[in-house]
Amino acid sequence: MNNELEKAFAALRKKYGTHCAAAEHLGIYRDHYRRLRNGRANIPQRTADYILLKAKEAVEDMPDISSTTPAIPHEPAQAAHP
C-alpha cells in the first residue's frame, strides 16, 4: 500500500474515531476494510480512489485535522497503485 492510502486511512480513523466506524461510514465490511488497510487484500483502483476521495472530504470537513494530517492528494487516480 502506498503512503497516500496510509494517510487516507489515518484521516478516516481520526474523523470517525475508529477504523470500524470509518468502514461503516464507507459502506465496507469492517473485516474487509481491515484487510485492505493491513495490505492483506488487493485494493482495486476504484476502491483506492473512493477511499482517497472520502479521506479528502473528511479532512475538508474537519479543519482541526487538516492542519495535523498530511495532505491527501487531489487526484486519487494518481496516488493509488494499480
Protein backbone atom coordinates (compact mmCIF):
# COMPACT_ATOMS: atom_id res chain seq x y z
CA MET A 1 0.00 0.00 0.00
CA ASN A 2 1.28 3.44 -0.79
CA ASN A 3 1.82 6.32 1.60
CA GLU A 4 -1.21 8.31 0.41
CA LEU A 5 -3.57 5.44 1.24
CA GLU A 6 -1.98 5.06 4.67
CA LYS A 7 -2.61 8.77 5.27
CA ALA A 8 -6.16 8.38 3.98
CA PHE A 9 -6.90 5.52 6.39
CA ALA A 10 -5.44 7.58 9.25
CA ALA A 11 -7.56 10.62 8.31
CA LEU A 12 -10.72 8.49 8.18
CA ARG A 13 -9.95 6.97 11.58
CA LYS A 14 -9.38 10.42 13.04
CA LYS A 15 -12.66 11.72 11.59
CA TYR A 16 -14.83 8.77 12.68
CA GLY A 17 -12.98 7.73 15.85
CA THR A 18 -12.25 4.11 14.91
CA HIS A 19 -11.45 2.14 11.81
CA CYS A 20 -14.66 0.17 12.34
CA ALA A 21 -16.72 3.37 12.27
CA ALA A 22 -14.84 4.56 9.19
CA ALA A 23 -15.54 1.26 7.43
CA GLU A 24 -19.22 1.51 8.31
CA HIS A 25 -19.39 5.07 7.00
CA LEU A 26 -17.77 3.98 3.73
CA GLY A 27 -20.12 1.01 3.41
CA ILE A 28 -17.31 -1.54 3.59
CA TYR A 29 -17.43 -4.56 5.90
CA ARG A 30 -15.02 -3.92 8.75
CA ASP A 31 -13.12 -7.18 8.20
CA HIS A 32 -12.59 -6.33 4.54
CA TYR A 33 -11.61 -2.76 5.45
CA ARG A 34 -9.07 -4.16 7.91
CA ARG A 35 -7.63 -6.45 5.24
CA LEU A 36 -7.38 -3.51 2.81
CA ARG A 37 -5.74 -1.35 5.46
CA ASN A 38 -3.27 -4.02 6.54
CA GLY A 39 -2.27 -4.97 3.00
CA ARG A 40 -3.75 -8.47 3.12
CA ALA A 41 -6.20 -7.71 0.31
CA ASN A 42 -5.57 -6.16 -3.07
CA ILE A 43 -7.02 -2.66 -3.34
CA PRO A 44 -8.63 -2.16 -6.76
CA GLN A 45 -8.05 1.26 -8.30
CA ARG A 46 -11.72 2.15 -7.98
CA THR A 47 -11.71 1.34 -4.25
CA ALA A 48 -8.47 3.25 -3.70
CA ASP A 49 -9.94 6.28 -5.46
CA TYR A 50 -13.06 6.06 -3.26
CA ILE A 51 -11.03 5.83 -0.04
CA LEU A 52 -8.85 8.77 -1.07
CA LEU A 53 -11.92 10.83 -2.00
CA LYS A 54 -13.65 10.14 1.32
CA ALA A 55 -10.46 10.93 3.24
CA LYS A 56 -10.11 14.22 1.37
CA GLU A 57 -13.72 15.07 2.25
CA ALA A 58 -13.08 14.12 5.89
CA VAL A 59 -10.06 16.43 6.07
CA GLU A 60 -12.02 19.29 4.47
CA ASP A 61 -14.94 18.77 6.89
CA MET A 62 -12.69 18.88 9.93
CA PRO A 63 -10.31 21.83 9.78
CA ASP A 64 -8.67 20.76 13.04
CA ILE A 65 -7.27 17.62 11.37
CA SER A 66 -6.34 19.32 8.12
CA SER A 67 -3.50 21.13 9.88
CA THR A 68 -2.14 18.00 11.57
CA THR A 69 -2.78 15.37 8.89
CA PRO A 70 -0.52 15.26 5.84
CA ALA A 71 -2.19 16.40 2.64
CA ILE A 72 -4.40 13.96 0.78
CA PRO A 73 -3.76 14.19 -2.98
CA HIS A 74 -6.40 15.97 -5.04
CA GLU A 75 -6.24 13.43 -7.87
CA PRO A 76 -6.85 9.98 -6.32
CA ALA A 77 -6.06 8.05 -9.51
CA GLN A 78 -2.51 9.40 -9.48
CA ALA A 79 -1.87 8.47 -5.87
CA ALA A 80 -3.15 4.90 -5.87
CA HIS A 81 -1.26 1.95 -7.18
CA PRO A 82 -2.61 -0.39 -9.86
